[in-house]
Protein backbone atom coordinates (compact mmCIF):
# COMPACT_ATOMS: atom_id res chain seq x y z
CA MET A 1 0.00 0.00 0.00
CA ARG A 2 2.82 2.40 0.85
CA ALA A 3 4.46 1.71 -2.51
CA VAL A 4 1.24 2.57 -4.37
CA LEU A 5 0.78 5.75 -2.32
CA LEU A 6 4.40 6.75 -2.96
CA LEU A 7 3.95 6.14 -6.69
CA VAL A 8 0.80 8.29 -6.80
CA VAL A 9 2.46 11.13 -4.86
CA THR A 10 5.53 10.97 -7.13
CA LEU A 11 3.41 11.16 -10.27
CA PHE A 12 1.59 14.24 -9.00
CA ALA A 13 4.87 15.86 -7.97
CA LEU A 14 6.34 15.70 -11.49
CA PRO A 15 6.40 19.04 -13.28
CA VAL A 16 3.43 19.35 -15.58
CA MET A 17 3.85 21.42 -18.69
CA ALA A 18 1.27 22.83 -21.03
CA GLU A 19 1.64 21.70 -24.60
CA PRO A 20 1.63 23.68 -27.84
CA PRO A 21 -0.19 22.16 -30.82
CA GLN A 22 1.45 19.19 -32.52
CA GLY A 23 3.30 19.64 -35.82
CA TYR A 24 4.36 23.27 -35.31
CA PRO A 25 7.91 24.52 -34.73
CA PHE A 26 7.14 26.34 -31.45
CA LEU A 27 10.16 27.61 -29.51
CA ALA A 28 10.68 29.07 -26.06
CA PHE A 29 9.97 32.81 -26.03
CA ASP A 30 13.62 33.87 -25.65
CA LYS A 31 14.82 31.57 -28.45
CA ALA A 32 11.96 32.72 -30.69
CA MET A 33 12.87 36.39 -30.14
CA GLN A 34 16.47 35.66 -31.15
CA GLN A 35 15.38 33.77 -34.26
CA ALA A 36 12.84 36.44 -35.24
CA ARG A 37 15.56 39.08 -35.08
CA ALA A 38 17.97 36.95 -37.11
CA GLU A 39 15.34 36.20 -39.77
CA ASN A 40 13.66 39.62 -39.69
CA LYS A 41 10.27 38.02 -38.99
CA LEU A 42 7.36 38.68 -36.70
CA LEU A 43 6.63 36.53 -33.68
CA PHE A 44 3.41 34.64 -33.10
CA VAL A 45 3.22 33.95 -29.37
CA TYR A 46 0.82 31.39 -27.93
CA PHE A 47 0.19 31.90 -24.21
CA GLY A 48 -1.29 28.71 -22.81
CA ARG A 49 -1.21 26.68 -19.62
CA TYR A 50 -1.60 23.13 -18.40
CA GLY A 51 -5.21 22.03 -18.12
CA CYS A 52 -6.57 24.81 -20.32
CA GLY A 53 -9.61 23.33 -22.03
CA TYR A 54 -9.89 26.30 -24.37
CA CYS A 55 -6.25 25.80 -25.43
CA GLU A 56 -6.91 22.14 -26.12
CA LYS A 57 -10.06 22.97 -28.10
CA THR A 58 -8.16 25.51 -30.23
CA ASN A 59 -5.28 23.06 -30.73
CA LYS A 60 -7.62 20.33 -31.96
CA GLU A 61 -10.02 22.42 -34.02
CA ALA A 62 -7.98 25.30 -35.46
CA PHE A 63 -4.30 24.39 -35.33
CA SER A 64 -5.05 21.02 -36.94
CA ASP A 65 -5.75 22.81 -40.25
CA LYS A 66 -2.99 22.25 -42.82
CA GLN A 67 -3.28 25.76 -44.33
CA VAL A 68 -3.01 27.39 -40.89
CA ARG A 69 0.07 25.27 -40.08
CA GLU A 70 1.74 26.17 -43.40
CA ALA A 71 0.99 29.91 -43.19
CA TYR A 72 2.00 30.33 -39.57
CA SER A 73 5.14 28.21 -39.90
CA LYS A 74 6.18 30.22 -42.97
CA ASN A 75 5.20 33.75 -41.92
CA TYR A 76 6.20 33.83 -38.23
CA VAL A 77 8.63 32.57 -35.69
CA LEU A 78 6.40 30.68 -33.28
CA ALA A 79 6.78 30.94 -29.52
CA TYR A 80 4.92 29.07 -26.81
CA VAL A 81 4.71 30.47 -23.28
CA ASP A 82 3.24 28.46 -20.40
CA SER A 83 1.76 31.41 -18.54
CA GLU A 84 1.96 29.56 -15.20
CA SER A 85 5.47 28.16 -15.57
CA GLY A 86 8.45 29.05 -13.44
CA LYS A 87 10.80 28.09 -16.27
CA ARG A 88 13.48 30.76 -16.57
CA LEU A 89 14.29 32.54 -19.81
CA ARG A 90 16.94 35.06 -20.79
CA LEU A 91 15.57 37.88 -22.94
CA PRO A 92 17.75 39.51 -25.63
CA SER A 93 18.33 42.39 -23.19
CA GLY A 94 19.99 39.91 -20.82
CA GLU A 95 17.15 40.10 -18.32
CA ARG A 96 16.23 36.80 -16.61
CA VAL A 97 12.48 36.20 -16.27
CA THR A 98 10.11 33.29 -15.89
CA GLU A 99 7.50 32.31 -18.44
CA ARG A 100 4.90 33.39 -15.85
CA GLU A 101 6.45 36.88 -15.83
CA VAL A 102 6.33 37.03 -19.62
CA GLY A 103 2.64 36.09 -19.46
CA THR A 104 2.01 38.84 -16.93
CA ARG A 105 3.84 41.44 -19.03
CA TYR A 106 1.63 40.61 -21.99
CA ASN A 107 -1.58 40.41 -19.94
CA ALA A 108 -2.07 36.69 -20.47
CA PHE A 109 -4.11 36.25 -17.30
CA VAL A 110 -6.60 33.98 -19.07
CA THR A 111 -5.66 31.44 -21.69
CA PRO A 112 -5.31 31.01 -24.53
CA VAL A 113 -3.97 34.35 -25.72
CA PHE A 114 -2.35 34.66 -29.14
CA THR A 115 -0.21 37.72 -29.85
CA PHE A 116 1.46 38.77 -33.07
CA MET A 117 4.45 40.93 -32.19
CA THR A 118 7.66 42.37 -33.48
CA ALA A 119 10.97 40.65 -32.74
CA GLU A 120 11.48 43.32 -30.06
CA GLY A 121 8.26 42.29 -28.32
CA LYS A 122 5.89 45.07 -29.45
CA PRO A 123 2.35 43.63 -29.78
CA LEU A 124 0.60 44.18 -33.12
CA LEU A 125 -2.54 42.04 -32.84
CA ARG A 126 -3.98 40.03 -29.97
CA LEU A 127 -6.56 37.25 -29.97
CA VAL A 128 -8.09 35.97 -26.73
CA GLY A 129 -9.94 32.72 -26.15
CA VAL A 130 -10.92 29.84 -28.39
CA GLN A 131 -10.02 30.44 -32.02
CA ARG A 132 -11.48 28.79 -35.10
CA ILE A 133 -9.67 28.04 -38.33
CA GLU A 134 -11.31 31.11 -39.86
CA ASP A 135 -10.14 33.31 -36.97
CA LEU A 136 -6.52 32.27 -37.38
CA ARG A 137 -6.63 32.69 -41.16
CA GLU A 138 -8.23 36.13 -40.83
CA ALA A 139 -5.67 37.24 -38.24
CA ASP A 140 -2.81 36.11 -40.49
CA SER A 141 -4.36 38.00 -43.39
CA LYS A 142 -4.69 41.20 -41.32
CA VAL A 143 -1.08 41.03 -40.17
CA GLN A 144 0.19 40.33 -43.70
CA GLN A 145 -1.86 43.27 -45.07
CA PHE A 146 -0.42 45.51 -42.34
CA LEU A 147 3.11 44.46 -43.32
CA LYS A 148 2.43 45.20 -47.00
CA LYS A 149 1.08 48.67 -46.20
CA LYS A 150 4.03 49.37 -43.93
CA ALA A 151 6.50 48.29 -46.65
CA LYS A 152 5.06 50.71 -49.24
CA PRO A 153 6.98 54.00 -49.48
């Protein structure tokens, strides 16, 4: 009986991480910022957390779409932030923060939150809550149109 109890306690004591959608090249926030700067791309940051039913619903229903996966993987450097995690990151400025602190800075108090931002961390567009395939496609279209307008002299 003690062995079973010890096993149960050990399983619950293991760190539990939230998961980004399968099949996407999501990086830690600090690594994604570095890559976005190097590639001169925008960031797409997914703020989620373990046990978030709305995150899971969005992962299964919207991020499962092949066109969404192709567009987002091509157009953005993808970052995943577990907004409740104590995992430490080092920002390009050298500052050490936790993923939870990053979530707080970007007002990710509920999940999921999806933020399109510059490589320097300036938010451009924010989506909150469950997203459908159409929502993600429309958001990508808006951001791409914004970039085209900005590029015109």
